C-alpha atoms as a PDB file:
ATOM      1  CA  VAL A   1     -17.437  -0.611  -4.099  1.00  0.00           C
ATOM      2  CA  GLN A   2     -14.633  -2.827  -3.014  1.00  0.00           C
ATOM      3  CA  LEU A   3     -11.052  -2.750  -2.397  1.00  0.00           C
ATOM      4  CA  GLN A   4      -9.380  -6.063  -2.351  1.00  0.00           C
ATOM      5  CA  ALA A   5      -5.498  -6.161  -0.949  1.00  0.00           C
ATOM      6  CA  SER A   6      -3.393  -9.265  -1.317  1.00  0.00           C
ATOM      7  CA  GLY A   7       0.243  -9.961  -1.476  1.00  0.00           C
ATOM      8  CA  GLY A   8       1.052  -9.710   2.209  1.00  0.00           C
ATOM      9  CA  GLY A   9       3.192 -12.600   4.083  1.00  0.00           C
ATOM     10  CA  LEU A  10       6.136 -13.228   5.994  1.00  0.00           C
ATOM     11  CA  VAL A  11       9.489 -12.199   4.747  1.00  0.00           C
ATOM     12  CA  GLN A  12      13.221 -12.073   6.018  1.00  0.00           C
ATOM     13  CA  ALA A  13      14.772  -8.607   6.326  1.00  0.00           C
ATOM     14  CA  GLY A  14      16.364  -7.326   3.245  1.00  0.00           C
ATOM     15  CA  GLY A  15      13.675  -9.123   1.228  1.00  0.00           C
ATOM     16  CA  SER A  16      10.678  -8.145  -0.964  1.00  0.00           C
ATOM     17  CA  LEU A  17       6.993  -8.282  -1.356  1.00  0.00           C
ATOM     18  CA  ARG A  18       4.411  -6.801  -4.042  1.00  0.00           C
ATOM     19  CA  LEU A  19       0.931  -5.891  -2.803  1.00  0.00           C
ATOM     20  CA  SER A  20      -1.825  -5.587  -4.909  1.00  0.00           C
ATOM     21  CA  CYS A  21      -5.257  -4.007  -4.354  1.00  0.00           C
ATOM     22  CA  ALA A  22      -8.054  -4.792  -6.883  1.00  0.00           C
ATOM     23  CA  ALA A  23     -10.726  -2.276  -7.102  1.00  0.00           C
ATOM     24  CA  SER A  24     -14.404  -2.896  -8.235  1.00  0.00           C
ATOM     25  CA  GLY A  25     -17.477  -0.870  -8.501  1.00  0.00           C
ATOM     26  CA  ARG A  26     -15.857   2.612  -9.443  1.00  0.00           C
ATOM     27  CA  THR A  27     -12.426   4.213 -10.362  1.00  0.00           C
ATOM     28  CA  PHE A  28     -10.573   6.475  -8.181  1.00  0.00           C
ATOM     29  CA  ALA A  29      -8.552   9.192  -9.308  1.00  0.00           C
ATOM     30  CA  THR A  30      -5.701   9.121  -6.546  1.00  0.00           C
ATOM     31  CA  MET A  31      -5.287   6.025  -4.492  1.00  0.00           C
ATOM     32  CA  GLY A  32      -2.821   5.326  -1.602  1.00  0.00           C
ATOM     33  CA  TRP A  33      -1.314   2.768   0.905  1.00  0.00           C
ATOM     34  CA  PHE A  34      -1.753   2.982   4.417  1.00  0.00           C
ATOM     35  CA  ARG A  35      -0.358   0.610   7.011  1.00  0.00           C
ATOM     36  CA  GLN A  36      -0.907  -0.050  10.861  1.00  0.00           C
ATOM     37  CA  ALA A  37       1.686  -1.473  13.149  1.00  0.00           C
ATOM     38  CA  PRO A  38       0.621  -3.231  16.497  1.00  0.00           C
ATOM     39  CA  GLY A  39       0.147  -0.570  19.015  1.00  0.00           C
ATOM     40  CA  LYS A  40       0.538   2.476  16.721  1.00  0.00           C
ATOM     41  CA  GLU A  41      -1.946   4.560  14.552  1.00  0.00           C
ATOM     42  CA  ARG A  42      -2.466   4.096  11.126  1.00  0.00           C
ATOM     43  CA  GLU A  43       0.028   5.812   9.011  1.00  0.00           C
ATOM     44  CA  PHE A  44       0.523   7.072   5.476  1.00  0.00           C
ATOM     45  CA  VAL A  45       2.720   5.180   3.269  1.00  0.00           C
ATOM     46  CA  ALA A  46       2.374   6.155  -0.418  1.00  0.00           C
ATOM     47  CA  ALA A  47      -0.032   7.713  -3.142  1.00  0.00           C
ATOM     48  CA  ILE A  48      -0.508   7.938  -6.693  1.00  0.00           C
ATOM     49  CA  SER A  49      -2.187   9.907  -9.197  1.00  0.00           C
ATOM     50  CA  TRP A  50      -4.610   8.578 -11.963  1.00  0.00           C
ATOM     51  CA  SER A  51      -1.857   8.906 -14.449  1.00  0.00           C
ATOM     52  CA  GLY A  52       0.852   7.891 -12.095  1.00  0.00           C
ATOM     53  CA  SER A  53       2.885  10.856 -12.968  1.00  0.00           C
ATOM     54  CA  SER A  54       2.488  12.040  -9.449  1.00  0.00           C
ATOM     55  CA  THR A  55       3.421   9.773  -6.622  1.00  0.00           C
ATOM     56  CA  ALA A  56       4.338  10.759  -2.857  1.00  0.00           C
ATOM     57  CA  TYR A  57       6.029   8.447  -0.283  1.00  0.00           C
ATOM     58  CA  THR A  58       6.371   8.935   3.619  1.00  0.00           C
ATOM     59  CA  ASP A  59      10.177   9.428   4.298  1.00  0.00           C
ATOM     60  CA  SER A  60      10.867   6.060   6.104  1.00  0.00           C
ATOM     61  CA  VAL A  61      10.130   4.151   2.492  1.00  0.00           C
ATOM     62  CA  LYS A  62      11.706   6.455  -0.025  1.00  0.00           C
ATOM     63  CA  GLY A  63      14.038   4.545  -2.453  1.00  0.00           C
ATOM     64  CA  ARG A  64      12.450   0.988  -1.108  1.00  0.00           C
ATOM     65  CA  PHE A  65       9.001   0.974  -1.912  1.00  0.00           C
ATOM     66  CA  THR A  66       7.422   1.815  -5.350  1.00  0.00           C
ATOM     67  CA  ILE A  67       3.657   2.644  -5.838  1.00  0.00           C
ATOM     68  CA  SER A  68       2.014   2.001  -9.343  1.00  0.00           C
ATOM     69  CA  ARG A  69      -1.365   1.373 -10.822  1.00  0.00           C
ATOM     70  CA  ASP A  70      -2.705  -0.525 -13.946  1.00  0.00           C
ATOM     71  CA  ASN A  71      -5.836   1.429 -14.701  1.00  0.00           C
ATOM     72  CA  ALA A  72      -6.956  -1.033 -17.262  1.00  0.00           C
ATOM     73  CA  LYS A  73      -7.177  -3.473 -14.358  1.00  0.00           C
ATOM     74  CA  ASN A  74      -8.500  -1.102 -11.749  1.00  0.00           C
ATOM     75  CA  THR A  75      -5.377  -2.397  -9.427  1.00  0.00           C
ATOM     76  CA  LEU A  76      -3.100  -0.670  -7.345  1.00  0.00           C
ATOM     77  CA  TYR A  77       0.414  -2.233  -6.551  1.00  0.00           C
ATOM     78  CA  LEU A  78       3.000  -1.463  -3.928  1.00  0.00           C
ATOM     79  CA  GLN A  79       6.318  -3.115  -4.588  1.00  0.00           C
ATOM     80  CA  MET A  80       8.527  -3.077  -1.496  1.00  0.00           C
ATOM     81  CA  ASN A  81      11.900  -3.882  -1.469  1.00  0.00           C
ATOM     82  CA  SER A  82      14.669  -3.898   1.305  1.00  0.00           C
ATOM     83  CA  LEU A  83      12.321  -4.627   3.676  1.00  0.00           C
ATOM     84  CA  LYS A  84      12.962  -3.752   7.321  1.00  0.00           C
ATOM     85  CA  LEU A  85      11.556  -5.108  10.977  1.00  0.00           C
ATOM     86  CA  GLU A  86       9.712  -1.707  11.009  1.00  0.00           C
ATOM     87  CA  ASP A  87       7.768  -2.289   8.115  1.00  0.00           C
ATOM     88  CA  THR A  88       5.893  -5.101   9.763  1.00  0.00           C
ATOM     89  CA  ALA A  89       2.242  -3.865   9.808  1.00  0.00           C
ATOM     90  CA  VAL A  90      -1.141  -4.580   8.387  1.00  0.00           C
ATOM     91  CA  TYR A  91      -1.227  -2.612   4.797  1.00  0.00           C
ATOM     92  CA  TYR A  92      -4.298  -1.181   3.550  1.00  0.00           C
ATOM     93  CA  CYS A  93      -5.196   0.526   0.345  1.00  0.00           C
ATOM     94  CA  THR A  94      -7.630   3.419   0.137  1.00  0.00           C
ATOM     95  CA  SER A  95      -8.983   6.001  -2.122  1.00  0.00           C
ATOM     96  CA  GLY A  96      -7.189   9.197  -1.806  1.00  0.00           C
ATOM     97  CA  TYR A  97      -4.245  10.127   0.539  1.00  0.00           C
ATOM     98  CA  SER A  98      -5.571  11.866   3.440  1.00  0.00           C
ATOM     99  CA  GLY A  99      -6.501   8.711   5.319  1.00  0.00           C
ATOM    100  CA  ARG A 100     -10.151   9.987   5.497  1.00  0.00           C
ATOM    101  CA  SER A 101     -11.848   8.163   2.731  1.00  0.00           C
ATOM    102  CA  ASP A 102     -14.575   5.978   3.199  1.00  0.00           C
ATOM    103  CA  TYR A 103     -13.302   3.114   0.946  1.00  0.00           C
ATOM    104  CA  TRP A 104     -10.661   0.975   2.313  1.00  0.00           C
ATOM    105  CA  GLY A 105      -9.262  -2.535   1.645  1.00  0.00           C
ATOM    106  CA  GLN A 106      -9.553  -5.181   4.239  1.00  0.00           C
ATOM    107  CA  GLY A 107      -5.887  -5.186   5.023  1.00  0.00           C
ATOM    108  CA  THR A 108      -2.938  -7.448   4.228  1.00  0.00           C
ATOM    109  CA  GLN A 109      -0.455  -8.440   6.862  1.00  0.00           C
ATOM    110  CA  VAL A 110       3.229  -7.903   6.112  1.00  0.00           C
ATOM    111  CA  THR A 111       5.590  -9.562   8.745  1.00  0.00           C
ATOM    112  CA  VAL A 112       9.333  -8.794   8.120  1.00  0.00           C
ATOM    113  CA  SER A 113      11.538 -11.314  10.582  1.00  0.00           C
ATOM    114  CA  SER A 114      15.317 -10.913  11.314  1.00  0.00           C
END
């Protein structure tokens, strides 16, 4: 089982990025994104159900980030708009939303500059 995250990079504040997470080896009913900023604990960002009909976001990204998935491609996405300096972090995809999964992507760096 492997989760491969990609799409991070350097972007100016106010800009956009789209993260992808390709899963292989199995499918997951619920998938999520977490992030970890320097010197901080890893935190929940967003999660989505299998059908996509149920989503959840941490308050700080509501209205700016959109989580989605393409089950045919077994791929998870995170569209990030209106990026802020405080969004700078390593972003991880995972199964579930508790943060206690055994399955994590390798992380992709998002850096927002002023």
